PDB file of N, CA and C in Angstrom:
ATOM      1  N   MET A   1       5.781 -13.769   8.812  1.00  0.00           N
ATOM      2  CA  MET A   1       4.195 -13.122   8.702  1.00  0.00           C
ATOM      3  C   MET A   1       3.505 -14.428   8.450  1.00  0.00           C
ATOM      4  N   ARG A   2       2.856 -15.154   9.252  1.00  0.00           N
ATOM      5  CA  ARG A   2       2.039 -16.252   9.744  1.00  0.00           C
ATOM      6  C   ARG A   2       0.793 -16.188   7.988  1.00  0.00           C
ATOM      7  N   ARG A   3       0.520 -17.046   7.401  1.00  0.00           N
ATOM      8  CA  ARG A   3      -0.261 -17.587   6.807  1.00  0.00           C
ATOM      9  C   ARG A   3      -2.305 -16.111   6.895  1.00  0.00           C
ATOM     10  N   ASP A   4      -2.612 -17.298   8.522  1.00  0.00           N
ATOM     11  CA  ASP A   4      -3.054 -16.507   8.848  1.00  0.00           C
ATOM     12  C   ASP A   4      -3.401 -14.495   9.654  1.00  0.00           C
ATOM     13  N   ALA A   5      -2.415 -14.387  10.399  1.00  0.00           N
ATOM     14  CA  ALA A   5      -1.687 -13.098  10.280  1.00  0.00           C
ATOM     15  C   ALA A   5      -1.335 -12.442   9.396  1.00  0.00           C
ATOM     16  N   LYS A   6      -1.622 -12.824   7.960  1.00  0.00           N
ATOM     17  CA  LYS A   6      -1.492 -12.220   6.893  1.00  0.00           C
ATOM     18  C   LYS A   6      -2.680 -11.961   6.043  1.00  0.00           C
ATOM     19  N   GLU A   7      -3.394 -13.098   6.051  1.00  0.00           N
ATOM     20  CA  GLU A   7      -4.844 -12.940   5.764  1.00  0.00           C
ATOM     21  C   GLU A   7      -5.788 -11.870   7.099  1.00  0.00           C
ATOM     22  N   GLN A   8      -5.666 -11.886   8.301  1.00  0.00           N
ATOM     23  CA  GLN A   8      -6.108 -10.798   9.455  1.00  0.00           C
ATOM     24  C   GLN A   8      -5.612  -9.863   8.344  1.00  0.00           C
ATOM     25  N   ARG A   9      -4.376  -9.409   8.208  1.00  0.00           N
ATOM     26  CA  ARG A   9      -4.005  -7.930   7.999  1.00  0.00           C
ATOM     27  C   ARG A   9      -4.956  -7.473   7.063  1.00  0.00           C
ATOM     28  N   LEU A  10      -4.719  -8.443   6.299  1.00  0.00           N
ATOM     29  CA  LEU A  10      -5.600  -7.683   4.122  1.00  0.00           C
ATOM     30  C   LEU A  10      -6.810  -7.533   4.708  1.00  0.00           C
ATOM     31  N   GLU A  11      -7.761  -7.995   5.262  1.00  0.00           N
ATOM     32  CA  GLU A  11      -8.951  -8.374   5.653  1.00  0.00           C
ATOM     33  C   GLU A  11      -9.144  -6.852   6.597  1.00  0.00           C
ATOM     34  N   ALA A  12      -8.298  -6.373   7.091  1.00  0.00           N
ATOM     35  CA  ALA A  12      -8.314  -5.090   7.965  1.00  0.00           C
ATOM     36  C   ALA A  12      -8.052  -4.204   7.014  1.00  0.00           C
ATOM     37  N   LEU A  13      -7.284  -4.553   6.512  1.00  0.00           N
ATOM     38  CA  LEU A  13      -6.527  -3.301   5.446  1.00  0.00           C
ATOM     39  C   LEU A  13      -7.852  -2.817   3.762  1.00  0.00           C
ATOM     40  N   GLU A  14      -8.579  -3.791   4.033  1.00  0.00           N
ATOM     41  CA  GLU A  14      -9.281  -3.602   2.611  1.00  0.00           C
ATOM     42  C   GLU A  14     -10.735  -3.540   3.217  1.00  0.00           C
ATOM     43  N   ARG A  15     -10.896  -3.940   4.672  1.00  0.00           N
ATOM     44  CA  ARG A  15     -12.115  -3.358   5.093  1.00  0.00           C
ATOM     45  C   ARG A  15     -12.163  -1.971   5.054  1.00  0.00           C
ATOM     46  N   ASP A  16     -10.772  -0.960   5.855  1.00  0.00           N
ATOM     47  CA  ASP A  16     -10.773   0.793   5.597  1.00  0.00           C
ATOM     48  C   ASP A  16     -10.642   0.998   4.087  1.00  0.00           C
ATOM     49  N   PHE A  17     -10.018   0.359   3.222  1.00  0.00           N
ATOM     50  CA  PHE A  17      -9.559   0.622   2.523  1.00  0.00           C
ATOM     51  C   PHE A  17     -10.692   1.705   1.341  1.00  0.00           C
ATOM     52  N   ARG A  18     -11.933   0.584   0.874  1.00  0.00           N
ATOM     53  CA  ARG A  18     -13.009   1.319   0.396  1.00  0.00           C
ATOM     54  C   ARG A  18     -13.599   3.062   1.208  1.00  0.00           C
ATOM     55  N   ALA A  19     -13.642   3.108   2.033  1.00  0.00           N
ATOM     56  CA  ALA A  19     -14.492   4.056   2.959  1.00  0.00           C
ATOM     57  C   ALA A  19     -13.354   5.215   2.947  1.00  0.00           C
ATOM     58  N   ARG A  20     -12.203   4.965   2.968  1.00  0.00           N
ATOM     59  CA  ARG A  20     -10.897   5.860   2.541  1.00  0.00           C
ATOM     60  C   ARG A  20     -10.896   6.321   1.238  1.00  0.00           C
ATOM     61  N   LEU A  21     -10.455   5.250   0.075  1.00  0.00           N
ATOM     62  CA  LEU A  21     -10.864   5.473  -0.578  1.00  0.00           C
ATOM     63  C   LEU A  21     -11.805   7.236  -2.019  1.00  0.00           C
ATOM     64  N   ILE A  22     -13.093   6.852  -1.463  1.00  0.00           N
ATOM     65  CA  ILE A  22     -14.769   7.699  -1.113  1.00  0.00           C
ATOM     66  C   ILE A  22     -13.463   8.642  -0.595  1.00  0.00           C
ATOM     67  N   ALA A  23     -13.774   8.857  -0.057  1.00  0.00           N
ATOM     68  CA  ALA A  23     -13.573  10.145   0.822  1.00  0.00           C
ATOM     69  C   ALA A  23     -12.488  10.812   0.109  1.00  0.00           C
ATOM     70  N   VAL A  24     -11.750  10.151  -0.456  1.00  0.00           N
ATOM     71  CA  VAL A  24     -10.057  11.167  -0.495  1.00  0.00           C
ATOM     72  C   VAL A  24     -10.680  11.403  -2.521  1.00  0.00           C
ATOM     73  N   LEU A  25     -11.680  10.758  -2.881  1.00  0.00           N
ATOM     74  CA  LEU A  25     -11.957  11.031  -4.187  1.00  0.00           C
ATOM     75  C   LEU A  25     -12.166  11.578  -4.448  1.00  0.00           C
ATOM     76  N   ARG A  26     -13.759  11.810  -2.722  1.00  0.00           N
ATOM     77  CA  ARG A  26     -15.067  13.120  -3.233  1.00  0.00           C
ATOM     78  C   ARG A  26     -13.757  14.257  -2.478  1.00  0.00           C
ATOM     79  N   GLU A  27     -12.889  14.542  -1.840  1.00  0.00           N
ATOM     80  CA  GLU A  27     -12.267  15.976  -1.459  1.00  0.00           C
ATOM     81  C   GLU A  27     -11.495  15.977  -3.091  1.00  0.00           C
ATOM     82  N   CYS A  28     -10.826  15.400  -3.802  1.00  0.00           N
ATOM     83  CA  CYS A  28      -9.970  15.527  -4.877  1.00  0.00           C
ATOM     84  C   CYS A  28     -11.246  16.411  -5.687  1.00  0.00           C
ATOM     85  N   GLY A  29     -12.494  15.488  -6.115  1.00  0.00           N
ATOM     86  CA  GLY A  29     -13.666  15.771  -6.982  1.00  0.00           C
ATOM     87  C   GLY A  29     -13.656  16.811  -7.041  1.00  0.00           C
ATOM     88  N   ASN A  30     -13.739  17.802  -5.317  1.00  0.00           N
ATOM     89  CA  ASN A  30     -14.041  19.077  -5.464  1.00  0.00           C
ATOM     90  C   ASN A  30     -12.823  19.787  -5.494  1.00  0.00           C
ATOM     91  N   GLY A  31     -11.669  19.730  -5.686  1.00  0.00           N
ATOM     92  CA  GLY A  31     -10.980  20.739  -5.683  1.00  0.00           C
ATOM     93  C   GLY A  31      -9.325  20.336  -5.901  1.00  0.00           C
ATOM     94  N   ARG A  32      -8.993  19.474  -4.269  1.00  0.00           N
ATOM     95  CA  ARG A  32      -7.907  19.160  -3.811  1.00  0.00           C
ATOM     96  C   ARG A  32      -7.332  18.434  -4.646  1.00  0.00           C
ATOM     97  N   TRP A  33      -5.323  19.140  -4.813  1.00  0.00           N
ATOM     98  CA  TRP A  33      -4.635  18.308  -5.545  1.00  0.00           C
ATOM     99  C   TRP A  33      -4.235  17.287  -4.866  1.00  0.00           C
ATOM    100  N   GLY A  34      -3.527  16.446  -5.524  1.00  0.00           N
ATOM    101  CA  GLY A  34      -3.014  15.853  -4.224  1.00  0.00           C
ATOM    102  C   GLY A  34      -2.935  13.952  -4.850  1.00  0.00           C
ATOM    103  N   LEU A  35      -3.950  13.567  -4.744  1.00  0.00           N
ATOM    104  CA  LEU A  35      -4.455  11.971  -4.644  1.00  0.00           C
ATOM    105  C   LEU A  35      -3.852  11.356  -5.775  1.00  0.00           C
ATOM    106  N   PHE A  36      -3.773  11.657  -6.763  1.00  0.00           N
ATOM    107  CA  PHE A  36      -3.152  10.462  -7.599  1.00  0.00           C
ATOM    108  C   PHE A  36      -1.398  10.951  -7.980  1.00  0.00           C
ATOM    109  N   GLY A  37      -1.142  12.207  -7.678  1.00  0.00           N
ATOM    110  CA  GLY A  37       0.257  13.011  -7.707  1.00  0.00           C
ATOM    111  C   GLY A  37       0.579  13.677  -9.043  1.00  0.00           C
ATOM    112  N   GLN A  38       0.178  13.622  -9.683  1.00  0.00           N
ATOM    113  CA  GLN A  38       0.170  13.642 -11.053  1.00  0.00           C
ATOM    114  C   GLN A  38       1.131  15.636 -10.885  1.00  0.00           C
ATOM    115  N   ASN A  39       0.999  15.926 -10.053  1.00  0.00           N
ATOM    116  CA  ASN A  39       1.894  17.692  -9.843  1.00  0.00           C
ATOM    117  C   ASN A  39       3.157  17.525  -8.688  1.00  0.00           C
ATOM    118  N   ASN A  40       3.277  16.019  -8.157  1.00  0.00           N
ATOM    119  CA  ASN A  40       4.303  15.944  -6.919  1.00  0.00           C
ATOM    120  C   ASN A  40       5.687  15.658  -7.597  1.00  0.00           C
ATOM    121  N   TYR A  41       5.542  17.091  -7.755  1.00  0.00           N
ATOM    122  CA  TYR A  41       7.367  16.731  -8.510  1.00  0.00           C
ATOM    123  C   TYR A  41       7.934  18.406  -8.227  1.00  0.00           C
ATOM    124  N   GLY A  42       9.026  18.895  -8.203  1.00  0.00           N
ATOM    125  CA  GLY A  42       9.538  19.900  -7.835  1.00  0.00           C
ATOM    126  C   GLY A  42       9.628  20.102  -6.324  1.00  0.00           C
ATOM    127  N   GLU A  43       9.759  22.320  -6.275  1.00  0.00           N
ATOM    128  CA  GLU A  43       9.320  22.568  -5.351  1.00  0.00           C
ATOM    129  C   GLU A  43       7.699  22.595  -4.757  1.00  0.00           C
ATOM    130  N   LEU A  44       6.977  22.244  -5.692  1.00  0.00           N
ATOM    131  CA  LEU A  44       5.150  21.950  -5.369  1.00  0.00           C
ATOM    132  C   LEU A  44       5.602  20.900  -4.831  1.00  0.00           C
ATOM    133  N   ALA A  45       5.935  19.904  -4.912  1.00  0.00           N
ATOM    134  CA  ALA A  45       5.654  18.513  -3.722  1.00  0.00           C
ATOM    135  C   ALA A  45       6.174  19.075  -2.980  1.00  0.00           C
ATOM    136  N   ARG A  46       6.426  19.630  -2.466  1.00  0.00           N
ATOM    137  CA  ARG A  46       7.449  20.173  -1.284  1.00  0.00           C
ATOM    138  C   ARG A  46       5.791  20.348  -0.136  1.00  0.00           C
ATOM    139  N   TYR A  47       5.373  21.773  -0.700  1.00  0.00           N
ATOM    140  CA  TYR A  47       3.847  22.423  -0.819  1.00  0.00           C
ATOM    141  C   TYR A  47       2.577  21.488  -0.583  1.00  0.00           C
ATOM    142  N   ASP A  48       2.438  20.584  -1.643  1.00  0.00           N
ATOM    143  CA  ASP A  48       1.326  19.810  -1.662  1.00  0.00           C
ATOM    144  C   ASP A  48       1.631  18.522  -1.146  1.00  0.00           C
ATOM    145  N   VAL A  49       0.942  18.453   0.346  1.00  0.00           N
ATOM    146  CA  VAL A  49       1.582  17.084   1.318  1.00  0.00           C
ATOM    147  C   VAL A  49      -0.241  17.163   1.638  1.00  0.00           C
ATOM    148  N   TRP A  50      -0.420  15.738   1.190  1.00  0.00           N
ATOM    149  CA  TRP A  50      -1.242  15.239   1.556  1.00  0.00           C
ATOM    150  C   TRP A  50      -1.673  13.884   1.937  1.00  0.00           C
ATOM    151  N   THR A  51      -1.387  14.053   3.840  1.00  0.00           N
ATOM    152  CA  THR A  51      -0.939  12.532   4.575  1.00  0.00           C
ATOM    153  C   THR A  51      -2.206  11.508   3.721  1.00  0.00           C
ATOM    154  N   GLU A  52      -2.948  12.021   3.685  1.00  0.00           N
ATOM    155  CA  GLU A  52      -4.552  10.447   3.991  1.00  0.00           C
ATOM    156  C   GLU A  52      -4.125  10.077   2.153  1.00  0.00           C
ATOM    157  N   ALA A  53      -4.326  10.772   2.154  1.00  0.00           N
ATOM    158  CA  ALA A  53      -3.768   9.939   0.126  1.00  0.00           C
ATOM    159  C   ALA A  53      -2.378   9.506   0.305  1.00  0.00           C
ATOM    160  N   ASP A  54      -1.414   9.609   0.451  1.00  0.00           N
ATOM    161  CA  ASP A  54       0.232   9.178   1.392  1.00  0.00           C
ATOM    162  C   ASP A  54       0.161   7.735   1.646  1.00  0.00           C
ATOM    163  N   ASP A  55      -0.882   7.908   3.203  1.00  0.00           N
ATOM    164  CA  ASP A  55      -1.450   6.799   3.652  1.00  0.00           C
ATOM    165  C   ASP A  55      -2.120   6.235   2.250  1.00  0.00           C
ATOM    166  N   LEU A  56      -2.901   6.173   1.820  1.00  0.00           N
ATOM    167  CA  LEU A  56      -3.819   5.573   0.927  1.00  0.00           C
ATOM    168  C   LEU A  56      -3.041   4.405  -0.082  1.00  0.00           C
ATOM    169  N   LYS A  57      -2.459   5.441  -1.252  1.00  0.00           N
ATOM    170  CA  LYS A  57      -1.027   5.034  -1.363  1.00  0.00           C
ATOM    171  C   LYS A  57      -0.682   3.744  -1.422  1.00  0.00           C
ATOM    172  N   ARG A  58       0.218   3.947   0.254  1.00  0.00           N
ATOM    173  CA  ARG A  58       0.918   2.673   1.005  1.00  0.00           C
ATOM    174  C   ARG A  58      -0.058   1.333   1.239  1.00  0.00           C
ATOM    175  N   THR A  59      -1.383   1.975   1.572  1.00  0.00           N
ATOM    176  CA  THR A  59      -2.435   1.074   2.203  1.00  0.00           C
ATOM    177  C   THR A  59      -2.604   0.240   0.572  1.00  0.00           C
ATOM    178  N   ALA A  60      -2.894   1.029  -0.338  1.00  0.00           N
ATOM    179  CA  ALA A  60      -3.473   0.267  -1.492  1.00  0.00           C
ATOM    180  C   ALA A  60      -2.226  -1.072  -2.027  1.00  0.00           C
ATOM    181  N   GLU A  61      -0.776  -0.360  -1.336  1.00  0.00           N
ATOM    182  CA  GLU A  61       0.347  -0.735  -2.155  1.00  0.00           C
ATOM    183  C   GLU A  61       0.746  -2.448  -1.420  1.00  0.00           C
ATOM    184  N   GLU A  62       0.149  -2.627  -0.288  1.00  0.00           N
ATOM    185  CA  GLU A  62       0.425  -3.912   0.501  1.00  0.00           C
ATOM    186  C   GLU A  62      -0.442  -4.330   0.505  1.00  0.00           C
ATOM    187  N   ILE A  63      -2.321  -3.492  -0.190  1.00  0.00           N
ATOM    188  CA  ILE A  63      -2.948  -4.832  -0.471  1.00  0.00           C
ATOM    189  C   ILE A  63      -2.501  -5.867  -1.163  1.00  0.00           C
ATOM    190  N   ASN A  64      -2.361  -4.870  -2.583  1.00  0.00           N
ATOM    191  CA  ASN A  64      -1.858  -5.766  -3.811  1.00  0.00           C
ATOM    192  C   ASN A  64      -0.734  -6.387  -3.303  1.00  0.00           C
ATOM    193  N   TRP A  65       0.111  -6.225  -2.246  1.00  0.00           N
ATOM    194  CA  TRP A  65       1.685  -7.282  -1.537  1.00  0.00           C
ATOM    195  C   TRP A  65       0.731  -8.245  -1.866  1.00  0.00           C
ATOM    196  N   LEU A  66       0.057  -8.005  -0.550  1.00  0.00           N
ATOM    197  CA  LEU A  66      -0.957  -8.853   0.338  1.00  0.00           C
ATOM    198  C   LEU A  66      -1.350 -10.741  -0.296  1.00  0.00           C
ATOM    199  N   ARG A  67      -2.405  -9.486  -1.415  1.00  0.00           N
ATOM    200  CA  ARG A  67      -3.419 -10.414  -2.350  1.00  0.00           C
ATOM    201  C   ARG A  67      -2.441 -11.228  -3.412  1.00  0.00           C
ATOM    202  N   SER A  68      -0.897 -10.739  -4.382  1.00  0.00           N
ATOM    203  CA  SER A  68      -0.345 -11.142  -4.640  1.00  0.00           C
ATOM    204  C   SER A  68       0.058 -12.529  -3.732  1.00  0.00           C
ATOM    205  N   GLU A  69       0.275 -12.795  -2.573  1.00  0.00           N
ATOM    206  CA  GLU A  69       0.821 -13.570  -1.244  1.00  0.00           C
ATOM    207  C   GLU A  69       0.037 -14.921  -1.473  1.00  0.00           C
ATOM    208  N   PHE A  70      -0.927 -14.824  -1.940  1.00  0.00           N
ATOM    209  CA  PHE A  70      -2.039 -15.426  -1.614  1.00  0.00           C
ATOM    210  C   PHE A  70      -2.299 -15.949  -3.548  1.00  0.00           C
ATOM    211  N   GLY A  71      -1.701 -15.703  -4.738  1.00  0.00           N
ATOM    212  CA  GLY A  71      -2.622 -15.830  -5.551  1.00  0.00           C
ATOM    213  C   GLY A  71      -4.117 -14.974  -5.843  1.00  0.00           C
ATOM    214  N   GLN A  72      -3.924 -13.242  -5.615  1.00  0.00           N
ATOM    215  CA  GLN A  72      -5.944 -12.929  -5.791  1.00  0.00           C
ATOM    216  C   GLN A  72      -5.015 -11.559  -6.583  1.00  0.00           C
ATOM    217  N   ARG A  73      -6.495 -10.929  -6.900  1.00  0.00           N
ATOM    218  CA  ARG A  73      -6.246  -9.627  -6.825  1.00  0.00           C
ATOM    219  C   ARG A  73      -7.169  -8.702  -6.031  1.00  0.00           C
ATOM    220  N   ASN A  74      -6.863  -7.754  -5.632  1.00  0.00           N
ATOM    221  CA  ASN A  74      -7.760  -6.602  -5.606  1.00  0.00           C
ATOM    222  C   ASN A  74      -8.328  -5.803  -6.577  1.00  0.00           C
ATOM    223  N   PRO A  75      -9.353  -5.604  -7.098  1.00  0.00           N
ATOM    224  CA  PRO A  75      -9.527  -4.723  -8.194  1.00  0.00           C
ATOM    225  C   PRO A  75      -9.455  -3.269  -8.719  1.00  0.00           C
ATOM    226  N   LEU A  76      -9.976  -2.676  -7.036  1.00  0.00           N
ATOM    227  CA  LEU A  76      -9.881  -1.554  -6.186  1.00  0.00           C
ATOM    228  C   LEU A  76      -8.949  -0.674  -5.960  1.00  0.00           C
ATOM    229  N   SER A  77      -7.813  -2.129  -5.230  1.00  0.00           N
ATOM    230  CA  SER A  77      -6.427  -0.622  -4.898  1.00  0.00           C
ATOM    231  C   SER A  77      -5.349  -0.964  -5.996  1.00  0.00           C
ATOM    232  N   MET A  78      -6.330  -1.872  -7.052  1.00  0.00           N
ATOM    233  CA  MET A  78      -4.919  -1.908  -8.482  1.00  0.00           C
ATOM    234  C   MET A  78      -5.904  -0.578 -10.009  1.00  0.00           C
ATOM    235  N   LYS A  79      -6.419  -0.565  -9.472  1.00  0.00           N
ATOM    236  CA  LYS A  79      -7.207   0.470 -10.279  1.00  0.00           C
ATOM    237  C   LYS A  79      -7.008   1.982  -9.539  1.00  0.00           C
ATOM    238  N   PHE A  80      -6.882   1.866  -7.839  1.00  0.00           N
ATOM    239  CA  PHE A  80      -6.362   3.389  -7.712  1.00  0.00           C
ATOM    240  C   PHE A  80      -4.838   3.299  -7.541  1.00  0.00           C
ATOM    241  N   LEU A  81      -4.279   2.730  -7.792  1.00  0.00           N
ATOM    242  CA  LEU A  81      -3.066   2.803  -8.324  1.00  0.00           C
ATOM    243  C   LEU A  81      -2.656   2.967  -9.667  1.00  0.00           C
ATOM    244  N   GLU A  82      -3.678   2.299 -11.283  1.00  0.00           N
ATOM    245  CA  GLU A  82      -2.932   2.791 -11.907  1.00  0.00           C
ATOM    246  C   GLU A  82      -3.826   4.448 -12.491  1.00  0.00           C
ATOM    247  N   TYR A  83      -4.645   4.954 -11.593  1.00  0.00           N
ATOM    248  CA  TYR A  83      -5.048   6.288 -11.129  1.00  0.00           C
ATOM    249  C   TYR A  83      -3.421   6.977 -10.806  1.00  0.00           C
ATOM    250  N   CYS A  84      -2.701   6.411 -10.583  1.00  0.00           N
ATOM    251  CA  CYS A  84      -1.591   7.357  -9.582  1.00  0.00           C
ATOM    252  C   CYS A  84      -0.389   7.135 -10.783  1.00  0.00           C
ATOM    253  N   ARG A  85      -0.673   6.775 -11.433  1.00  0.00           N
ATOM    254  CA  ARG A  85       0.720   6.333 -12.428  1.00  0.00           C
ATOM    255  C   ARG A  85       0.229   6.891 -13.762  1.00  0.00           C
ATOM    256  N   MET A  86      -0.859   7.629 -13.952  1.00  0.00           N
ATOM    257  CA  MET A  86      -0.940   8.126 -15.341  1.00  0.00           C
ATOM    258  C   MET A  86      -0.488   9.590 -15.255  1.00  0.00           C
ATOM    259  N   ARG A  87      -0.088   9.724 -15.777  1.00  0.00           N
ATOM    260  CA  ARG A  87       1.078  11.147 -16.408  1.00  0.00           C
ATOM    261  C   ARG A  87       0.675  11.459 -17.995  1.00  0.00           C
ATOM    262  N   GLY A  88       1.704  12.964 -17.949  1.00  0.00           N
ATOM    263  CA  GLY A  88       1.163  12.527 -19.734  1.00  0.00           C
ATOM    264  C   GLY A  88       0.049  14.410 -19.602  1.00  0.00           C
ATOM    265  N   GLN A  89       0.462  14.865 -21.125  1.00  0.00           N
ATOM    266  CA  GLN A  89      -0.356  16.416 -20.822  1.00  0.00           C
ATOM    267  C   GLN A  89      -1.273  16.168 -21.346  1.00  0.00           C
ATOM    268  N   ASN A  90      -1.847  15.431 -21.881  1.00  0.00           N
ATOM    269  CA  ASN A  90      -3.148  14.631 -22.065  1.00  0.00           C
ATOM    270  C   ASN A  90      -4.014  13.962 -21.255  1.00  0.00           C
ATOM    271  N   VAL A  91      -3.420  13.692 -20.450  1.00  0.00           N
ATOM    272  CA  VAL A  91      -3.991  12.959 -18.796  1.00  0.00           C
ATOM    273  C   VAL A  91      -4.947  14.349 -18.587  1.00  0.00           C
ATOM    274  N   LYS A  92      -5.924  14.194 -18.207  1.00  0.00           N
ATOM    275  CA  LYS A  92      -7.542  14.980 -17.428  1.00  0.00           C
ATOM    276  C   LYS A  92      -6.809  15.401 -15.608  1.00  0.00           C
ATOM    277  N   GLY A  93      -7.378  16.625 -15.395  1.00  0.00           N
ATOM    278  CA  GLY A  93      -6.680  16.784 -13.885  1.00  0.00           C
ATOM    279  C   GLY A  93      -7.410  16.083 -12.951  1.00  0.00           C
ATOM    280  N   GLU A  94      -6.693  16.074 -11.796  1.00  0.00           N
ATOM    281  CA  GLU A  94      -6.987  15.522 -11.319  1.00  0.00           C
ATOM    282  C   GLU A  94      -8.613  14.953 -10.514  1.00  0.00           C
ATOM    283  N   ALA A  95      -9.009  16.299 -10.300  1.00  0.00           N
ATOM    284  CA  ALA A  95     -10.324  16.247 -10.011  1.00  0.00           C
ATOM    285  C   ALA A  95     -11.125  15.871 -10.964  1.00  0.00           C
ATOM    286  N   LYS A  96     -10.926  15.218 -12.356  1.00  0.00           N
ATOM    287  CA  LYS A  96     -11.357  15.398 -13.091  1.00  0.00           C
ATOM    288  C   LYS A  96     -11.364  13.854 -13.450  1.00  0.00           C
ATOM    289  N   LEU A  97      -9.930  13.214 -12.791  1.00  0.00           N
ATOM    290  CA  LEU A  97     -10.048  12.182 -12.319  1.00  0.00           C
ATOM    291  C   LEU A  97     -10.953  11.363 -11.509  1.00  0.00           C
ATOM    292  N   ALA A  98     -11.286  11.806 -10.817  1.00  0.00           N
ATOM    293  CA  ALA A  98     -11.488  11.580  -9.425  1.00  0.00           C
ATOM    294  C   ALA A  98     -13.249  11.587  -9.924  1.00  0.00           C
ATOM    295  N   GLN A  99     -14.412  12.161 -10.028  1.00  0.00           N
ATOM    296  CA  GLN A  99     -15.338  11.932 -10.323  1.00  0.00           C
ATOM    297  C   GLN A  99     -15.318  10.286 -11.902  1.00  0.00           C
ATOM    298  N   PRO A 100     -15.182  10.087 -12.347  1.00  0.00           N
ATOM    299  CA  PRO A 100     -15.464   8.989 -12.916  1.00  0.00           C
ATOM    300  C   PRO A 100     -15.143   7.864 -12.392  1.00  0.00           C
ATOM    301  N   PHE A 101     -14.254   7.563 -11.522  1.00  0.00           N
ATOM    302  CA  PHE A 101     -13.250   6.591 -10.728  1.00  0.00           C
ATOM    303  C   PHE A 101     -15.367   6.960  -9.789  1.00  0.00           C
ATOM    304  N   LEU A 102     -15.314   7.516  -9.207  1.00  0.00           N
ATOM    305  CA  LEU A 102     -16.400   7.523  -7.822  1.00  0.00           C
ATOM    306  C   LEU A 102     -17.992   6.816  -8.248  1.00  0.00           C
ATOM    307  N   ALA A 103     -17.623   7.478  -9.950  1.00  0.00           N
ATOM    308  CA  ALA A 103     -18.647   6.207 -10.811  1.00  0.00           C
ATOM    309  C   ALA A 103     -18.662   5.286 -10.946  1.00  0.00           C
ATOM    310  N   GLU A 104     -17.859   4.988 -11.158  1.00  0.00           N
ATOM    311  CA  GLU A 104     -17.090   3.610 -11.597  1.00  0.00           C
ATOM    312  C   GLU A 104     -16.850   2.740 -10.197  1.00  0.00           C
ATOM    313  N   ILE A 105     -17.598   3.016  -9.200  1.00  0.00           N
ATOM    314  CA  ILE A 105     -17.085   2.278  -8.235  1.00  0.00           C
ATOM    315  C   ILE A 105     -18.224   2.575  -7.232  1.00  0.00           C
ATOM    316  N   GLY A 106     -19.242   3.578  -7.934  1.00  0.00           N
ATOM    317  CA  GLY A 106     -20.974   3.597  -7.367  1.00  0.00           C
ATOM    318  C   GLY A 106     -21.464   4.267  -6.416  1.00  0.00           C
ATOM    319  N   GLN A 107     -20.545   5.687  -6.122  1.00  0.00           N
ATOM    320  CA  GLN A 107     -20.371   6.590  -5.490  1.00  0.00           C
ATOM    321  C   GLN A 107     -20.343   8.018  -6.014  1.00  0.00           C
ATOM    322  N   ALA A 108     -20.878   7.850  -7.142  1.00  0.00           N
ATOM    323  CA  ALA A 108     -21.107   9.608  -8.194  1.00  0.00           C
ATOM    324  C   ALA A 108     -22.467   9.810  -7.375  1.00  0.00           C
TER     325      ALA A 108
END
């Protein structure tokens, strides 16, 4: 992929990413599970499918990959993937993670 094509692809992804992230964070904050993948294991993963959340993760990964090609970072996509990696019994539930994340990006 040429540099110009990569830049255009990156711009298109980033333009769409923030709005999509805010929409799914609001839905997650209202009680829908599956955005951060905390419960995506075993039998539950088969039934808890959230296409928009999965697409958003792939978009964030692609943004980060393209940004790394240019030696740059996208703090919003990086933060989202950081939340997706949070695991453990002391980590808040997804709805309780979504609310402060919305506040962080000025959408609470």
